[in-house]
Amino acid sequence: MQQLAKAFGIRFYSLEVHGNTGEYDIKNFMVNEVGQPKQQTLVFFDEINATPAIGLFKEILCNRTLRGKQIADTILMAAACNPYRKKDVKSIQVWKRPSSFNTYVIDLS
């Protein structure tokens, strides 16, 4: 994704999500790091279903809002999620993708 942004000459931000990433972390990233850029910016969220805060990602990616406030039109967003699998003792928990995401998903498996 970073190389894609570089090829198009646009700014790039990435948030690597994990089980301890909470709504505060996501909001802080969007407000304090990404902000409201005047130029085209690509924001990539990696492993969005690794956190219980997946509902906030639904709002950001599908509704293009952050706690009800519109996200700038200059922000392009992409996200990756891990395939859903039943949890066993050795695996990392992955949250099931909300069905409201289905319109926006390209399954590469």
Foldseek 3Di string as FASTA:
>chain_A
DVVVCVVVVAAEEEDEDAAPDDLVNVVCCCPVPVNQDPAAYEYEYEALQRYPRVVQVCCCPVVCAHVNHHHHPSYHYDYDHDDQDDDDPPDRHGHDHDPSCVVVDDDPD
